[in-house]
Amino acid sequence: MGRRVLGVVSLGFLGVLLIYIAFVEPPAFGWQIFLLAVGVSALWCMEAMRRATASVVELTPKELRDADGTVIARVEDIVSMDRGFFAFKPSNGFLLKTRTGDSRQWRPGLWWRMGRRIGIGGMTPGSQTKYMSEILAAMMATRDTGG
């Protein structure tokens, strides 16, 4: 909860601050438009993060899904998992690679998908994502050995 509050408040503060600067200390017109655009974008990202982090990621025997029913990945389609220190993954999370690609989706602070790569984590507690990745690795090992 602390990470969620810190992330949402930080983005909101950034957005409000940029919009405030654009009106109170207006720079050249082009820069003023830029500040307004970035400020509004930060506020939009704040709202997207607020909505996304209100949800949870669920692991079932057949799929990894968002609580709203969005299927993130099917367990049978997962080819590999990367939890390494230098992996391109969300903080406190892990990276999955699937056999088939899917549409790009992003739940800020929770998960993202770009084609065949899926990142789980961000504002999630490290202990929970580590536990989920361990269970998922065991499910993949069982699947691969035919048990």
Protein backbone atom coordinates (compact mmCIF):
# COMPACT_ATOMS: atom_id res chain seq x y z
CA MET A 1 0.00 0.00 0.00
CA GLY A 2 2.86 2.37 0.78
CA ARG A 3 4.36 2.01 -2.69
CA ARG A 4 1.00 2.57 -4.28
CA VAL A 5 0.39 5.77 -2.33
CA LEU A 6 3.93 7.03 -2.93
CA GLY A 7 3.74 6.34 -6.68
CA VAL A 8 0.31 7.86 -7.19
CA VAL A 9 1.05 10.92 -5.04
CA SER A 10 4.41 11.49 -6.76
CA LEU A 11 2.87 11.43 -10.23
CA GLY A 12 0.02 13.67 -9.11
CA PHE A 13 2.43 16.14 -7.51
CA LEU A 14 4.55 16.21 -10.67
CA GLY A 15 1.51 16.85 -12.87
CA VAL A 16 0.13 19.62 -10.67
CA LEU A 17 3.58 21.22 -10.30
CA LEU A 18 4.18 21.29 -14.07
CA ILE A 19 0.77 22.79 -14.76
CA TYR A 20 1.29 25.35 -11.97
CA ILE A 21 4.66 26.40 -13.40
CA ALA A 22 3.15 26.69 -16.89
CA PHE A 23 0.62 29.25 -15.64
CA VAL A 24 2.43 31.09 -12.84
CA GLU A 25 5.88 31.46 -14.47
CA PRO A 26 5.00 31.09 -18.14
CA PRO A 27 8.05 30.48 -20.31
CA ALA A 28 7.99 30.90 -24.09
CA PHE A 29 4.70 29.75 -25.61
CA GLY A 30 6.13 26.49 -26.98
CA TRP A 31 7.57 25.55 -23.59
CA GLN A 32 4.32 26.46 -21.88
CA ILE A 33 2.43 24.04 -24.15
CA PHE A 34 5.10 21.41 -23.46
CA LEU A 35 4.77 21.85 -19.68
CA LEU A 36 0.99 21.61 -19.90
CA ALA A 37 1.17 18.48 -22.06
CA VAL A 38 3.64 16.74 -19.74
CA GLY A 39 1.63 17.81 -16.66
CA VAL A 40 -1.63 16.47 -18.08
CA SER A 41 0.18 13.26 -19.13
CA ALA A 42 1.49 12.81 -15.60
CA LEU A 43 -2.02 13.24 -14.21
CA TRP A 44 -3.34 10.73 -16.75
CA CYS A 45 -0.61 8.24 -15.74
CA MET A 46 -1.47 8.84 -12.09
CA GLU A 47 -5.09 7.91 -12.69
CA ALA A 48 -4.12 4.86 -14.77
CA MET A 49 -1.77 3.73 -11.99
CA ARG A 50 -4.41 4.31 -9.33
CA ARG A 51 -6.92 2.17 -11.21
CA ALA A 52 -4.41 -0.56 -12.13
CA THR A 53 -2.94 -0.98 -8.66
CA ALA A 54 -6.41 -1.39 -7.17
CA SER A 55 -6.49 -4.76 -8.95
CA VAL A 56 -4.48 -7.94 -8.33
CA VAL A 57 -2.70 -10.56 -10.42
CA GLU A 58 -4.08 -14.06 -9.92
CA LEU A 59 -2.37 -17.35 -10.72
CA THR A 60 -4.64 -20.29 -11.47
CA PRO A 61 -3.60 -23.78 -12.62
CA LYS A 62 -4.28 -22.77 -16.23
CA GLU A 63 -3.54 -19.05 -16.49
CA LEU A 64 -2.09 -15.90 -15.06
CA ARG A 65 -4.77 -13.21 -15.06
CA ASP A 66 -5.77 -9.83 -13.78
CA ALA A 67 -8.64 -9.70 -11.27
CA ASP A 68 -10.81 -8.04 -13.93
CA GLY A 69 -10.59 -11.24 -16.00
CA THR A 70 -7.91 -10.15 -18.47
CA VAL A 71 -5.78 -13.19 -19.28
CA ILE A 72 -2.15 -12.14 -19.02
CA ALA A 73 -0.67 -15.50 -20.06
CA ARG A 74 -1.69 -19.14 -20.23
CA VAL A 75 0.61 -21.42 -18.27
CA GLU A 76 0.90 -23.80 -21.25
CA ASP A 77 2.18 -20.93 -23.45
CA ILE A 78 4.96 -19.78 -21.12
CA VAL A 79 8.37 -20.68 -22.53
CA SER A 80 10.69 -19.11 -19.96
CA MET A 81 10.88 -16.98 -16.86
CA ASP A 82 13.64 -14.53 -15.96
CA ARG A 83 14.05 -13.34 -12.39
CA GLY A 84 17.68 -12.31 -12.72
CA PHE A 85 19.20 -9.12 -11.39
CA PHE A 86 19.98 -7.74 -14.86
CA ALA A 87 16.72 -8.80 -16.54
CA PHE A 88 14.54 -6.13 -18.17
CA LYS A 89 11.74 -6.60 -15.65
CA PRO A 90 9.64 -4.53 -13.28
CA SER A 91 11.08 -3.93 -9.83
CA ASN A 92 10.26 -6.72 -7.37
CA GLY A 93 8.99 -8.77 -10.29
CA PHE A 94 9.82 -11.21 -13.04
CA LEU A 95 9.74 -11.48 -16.83
CA LEU A 96 7.88 -14.14 -18.81
CA LYS A 97 8.32 -15.11 -22.44
CA THR A 98 5.45 -16.87 -24.20
CA ARG A 99 5.19 -18.94 -27.38
CA THR A 100 2.71 -16.60 -29.01
CA GLY A 101 2.46 -12.85 -28.87
CA ASP A 102 -0.58 -10.87 -27.87
CA SER A 103 -1.66 -7.25 -27.94
CA ARG A 104 0.28 -4.64 -26.00
CA GLN A 105 -1.24 -3.86 -22.64
CA TRP A 106 -0.04 -1.96 -19.63
CA ARG A 107 -1.32 -1.80 -16.07
CA PRO A 108 1.08 0.73 -14.51
CA GLY A 109 2.67 -0.64 -11.37
CA LEU A 110 1.20 -4.13 -11.83
CA TRP A 111 2.05 -5.74 -15.18
CA TRP A 112 2.79 -5.05 -18.85
CA ARG A 113 2.80 -7.07 -22.06
CA MET A 114 4.67 -6.30 -25.27
CA GLY A 115 4.20 -9.07 -27.80
CA ARG A 116 5.72 -12.25 -26.36
CA ARG A 117 7.26 -10.59 -23.28
CA ILE A 118 5.33 -10.03 -20.07
CA GLY A 119 6.56 -8.19 -17.00
CA ILE A 120 4.89 -8.84 -13.66
CA GLY A 121 5.60 -6.58 -10.69
CA GLY A 122 6.35 -2.96 -9.98
CA MET A 123 4.36 -1.83 -6.99
CA THR A 124 3.72 -5.38 -5.87
CA PRO A 125 5.43 -6.61 -2.70
CA GLY A 126 8.62 -8.51 -3.52
CA SER A 127 7.69 -11.41 -1.25
CA GLN A 128 4.42 -11.98 -3.10
CA THR A 129 5.89 -11.82 -6.60
CA LYS A 130 8.77 -14.08 -5.57
CA TYR A 131 6.30 -16.63 -4.18
CA MET A 132 4.20 -16.40 -7.35
CA SER A 133 7.25 -16.88 -9.55
CA GLU A 134 8.32 -19.93 -7.52
CA ILE A 135 4.88 -21.52 -7.87
CA LEU A 136 4.82 -20.70 -11.58
CA ALA A 137 8.30 -22.22 -12.04
CA ALA A 138 7.12 -25.39 -10.30
CA MET A 139 4.02 -25.51 -12.53
CA MET A 140 6.20 -25.08 -15.62
CA ALA A 141 8.58 -27.84 -14.46
CA THR A 142 5.67 -30.21 -13.83
CA ARG A 143 4.21 -29.38 -17.23
CA ASP A 144 7.53 -29.95 -18.99
CA THR A 145 8.16 -33.32 -17.35
CA GLY A 146 4.66 -34.50 -18.25
CA GLY A 147 3.58 -34.93 -14.61
